[in-house]
Amino acid sequence: MNRAELVEQVAKATGSPKSEVTRTLSAMLHSITGALSKGDKVTLVGFGTFERRMRKARTGRNPRTLAPLKIAAARVPAFRAGKELKDIVNGRSKQPVLKLAKAKAAKPAPKAKAAKPAKKAAKPAKKAVKKGGKKR
């Protein structure tokens, strides 16, 4: 399943528009990534834990020349599946039925007073002509 398929399935299950689900998913992934970059753990009870681990420096080999390479230490993201997720994947338990709270019906907006028709644009003012003014 790719991101677009995930968005489509969540939108179908929740009755939300795909655009809203896409924004929500992006915000969730952004939040998890930000927490991991700071070194925090993100635990979703029953699903699993996202964390940052430190990988030690090591020596590798170039497969073409078999020359030794130094591979630097690195911080890497890791995921540990929770017990509930493991049990469902291994077939030891069934995935529970998704129960979503039904959206409340929107109350009809109070009737607004009828809008008054727009006034006609005012005509530009004519320049006042002075009577008895000096002639040039």
Protein backbone atom coordinates (compact mmCIF):
# COMPACT_ATOMS: atom_id res chain seq x y z
CA MET A 1 0.00 0.00 0.00
CA ASN A 2 1.39 3.39 -0.94
CA ARG A 3 0.55 6.83 0.46
CA ALA A 4 -2.25 7.55 -2.04
CA GLU A 5 -3.92 4.21 -1.32
CA LEU A 6 -3.63 4.83 2.42
CA VAL A 7 -5.22 8.28 2.06
CA GLU A 8 -8.03 6.80 -0.04
CA GLN A 9 -8.73 4.02 2.47
CA VAL A 10 -8.73 6.38 5.48
CA ALA A 11 -10.97 8.86 3.64
CA LYS A 12 -13.41 6.06 2.83
CA ALA A 13 -13.41 4.77 6.43
CA THR A 14 -13.87 8.19 8.02
CA GLY A 15 -16.04 9.87 5.43
CA SER A 16 -13.58 12.79 5.33
CA PRO A 17 -12.41 14.41 2.11
CA LYS A 18 -9.12 13.13 0.72
CA SER A 19 -7.57 16.60 0.97
CA GLU A 20 -8.24 16.70 4.71
CA VAL A 21 -6.87 13.17 5.22
CA THR A 22 -3.75 14.09 3.20
CA ARG A 23 -3.13 17.15 5.39
CA THR A 24 -3.67 15.11 8.56
CA LEU A 25 -1.32 12.34 7.43
CA SER A 26 1.35 14.87 6.42
CA ALA A 27 1.05 16.62 9.79
CA MET A 28 1.33 13.31 11.64
CA LEU A 29 4.44 12.23 9.72
CA HIS A 30 5.95 15.69 10.14
CA SER A 31 5.38 15.53 13.91
CA ILE A 32 6.90 12.04 14.22
CA THR A 33 9.93 13.06 12.11
CA GLY A 34 10.45 16.21 14.21
CA ALA A 35 10.28 14.25 17.45
CA LEU A 36 12.79 11.67 16.18
CA SER A 37 15.18 14.37 15.00
CA LYS A 38 15.18 15.79 18.56
CA GLY A 39 15.85 12.33 20.00
CA ASP A 40 12.36 11.79 21.44
CA LYS A 41 10.43 8.51 21.26
CA VAL A 42 6.95 8.39 19.78
CA THR A 43 4.82 5.63 21.27
CA LEU A 44 1.45 4.67 19.82
CA VAL A 45 0.05 2.21 22.37
CA GLY A 46 -0.87 -1.10 20.76
CA PHE A 47 0.76 -0.13 17.46
CA GLY A 48 4.42 0.46 18.24
CA THR A 49 7.25 2.83 19.07
CA PHE A 50 9.30 5.02 16.77
CA GLU A 51 12.74 5.90 18.14
CA ARG A 52 16.19 7.09 17.14
CA ARG A 53 19.11 4.71 17.61
CA MET A 54 22.83 5.18 17.28
CA ARG A 55 24.66 2.91 14.84
CA LYS A 56 28.38 2.47 15.61
CA ALA A 57 31.15 3.17 13.14
CA ARG A 58 32.28 0.05 11.32
CA THR A 59 34.48 -1.23 8.54
CA GLY A 60 32.83 -2.35 5.33
CA ARG A 61 34.15 -3.62 2.02
CA ASN A 62 33.78 -2.28 -1.49
CA PRO A 63 32.18 -5.25 -3.29
CA ARG A 64 33.98 -4.52 -6.55
CA THR A 65 37.54 -4.10 -5.25
CA LEU A 66 37.16 -5.71 -1.82
CA ALA A 67 39.02 -2.70 -0.40
CA PRO A 68 38.09 -1.88 3.20
CA LEU A 69 35.92 1.22 3.77
CA LYS A 70 35.28 3.16 6.94
CA ILE A 71 31.57 3.65 7.54
CA ALA A 72 30.89 6.51 9.95
CA ALA A 73 28.61 6.27 12.96
CA ALA A 74 25.05 7.42 12.27
CA ARG A 75 21.73 8.09 13.92
CA VAL A 76 19.02 5.94 12.36
CA PRO A 77 15.24 5.75 12.82
CA ALA A 78 13.85 2.50 14.22
CA PHE A 79 10.39 1.06 14.78
CA ARG A 80 9.43 -1.55 17.36
CA ALA A 81 6.02 -3.12 16.79
CA GLY A 82 3.67 -3.26 19.77
CA LYS A 83 2.18 -6.48 21.14
CA GLU A 84 -1.28 -5.88 19.65
CA LEU A 85 0.16 -5.27 16.16
CA LYS A 86 2.39 -8.35 16.42
CA ASP A 87 -0.53 -10.54 17.51
CA ILE A 88 -2.74 -9.37 14.63
CA VAL A 89 0.01 -9.84 12.05
CA ASN A 90 0.84 -13.35 13.40
CA GLY A 91 -2.84 -14.36 13.37
CA ARG A 92 -3.05 -14.83 17.15
CA SER A 93 -5.84 -12.26 17.33
CA LYS A 94 -8.22 -10.57 14.92
CA GLN A 95 -8.13 -6.94 13.97
CA PRO A 96 -10.90 -5.16 15.89
CA VAL A 97 -13.73 -3.55 13.98
CA LEU A 98 -13.08 0.14 13.43
CA LYS A 99 -15.52 2.20 15.50
CA LEU A 100 -15.68 5.83 14.51
CA ALA A 101 -17.78 8.46 16.20
CA LYS A 102 -20.46 9.61 13.82
CA ALA A 103 -20.15 13.21 12.80
CA LYS A 104 -22.84 15.38 14.31
CA ALA A 105 -25.26 16.78 11.80
CA ALA A 106 -24.52 20.40 11.23
CA LYS A 107 -27.15 22.69 12.66
CA PRO A 108 -28.75 24.86 10.04
CA ALA A 109 -27.42 28.37 10.17
CA PRO A 110 -29.86 30.97 11.50
CA LYS A 111 -31.63 32.75 8.71
CA ALA A 112 -29.97 36.02 7.94
CA LYS A 113 -31.95 39.12 7.13
CA ALA A 114 -32.45 39.70 3.47
CA ALA A 115 -29.56 41.67 2.09
CA LYS A 116 -30.35 45.17 0.98
CA PRO A 117 -29.71 45.87 -2.68
CA ALA A 118 -26.41 47.58 -3.29
CA LYS A 119 -26.55 51.31 -3.73
CA LYS A 120 -25.74 52.70 -7.10
CA ALA A 121 -22.27 54.11 -7.41
CA ALA A 122 -22.19 57.82 -6.72
CA LYS A 123 -21.61 60.03 -9.72
CA PRO A 124 -18.35 61.93 -9.65
CA ALA A 125 -18.77 65.43 -8.28
CA LYS A 126 -18.76 68.20 -10.85
CA LYS A 127 -16.28 70.97 -10.35
CA ALA A 128 -17.93 74.01 -8.90
CA VAL A 129 -17.90 76.98 -11.21
CA LYS A 130 -17.30 80.21 -9.40
CA LYS A 131 -19.65 82.95 -10.42
CA GLY A 132 -18.17 86.33 -10.90
CA GLY A 133 -14.68 85.06 -10.90
CA LYS A 134 -11.80 86.91 -12.51
CA LYS A 135 -11.28 86.38 -16.19
CA ARG A 136 -7.85 85.74 -17.42
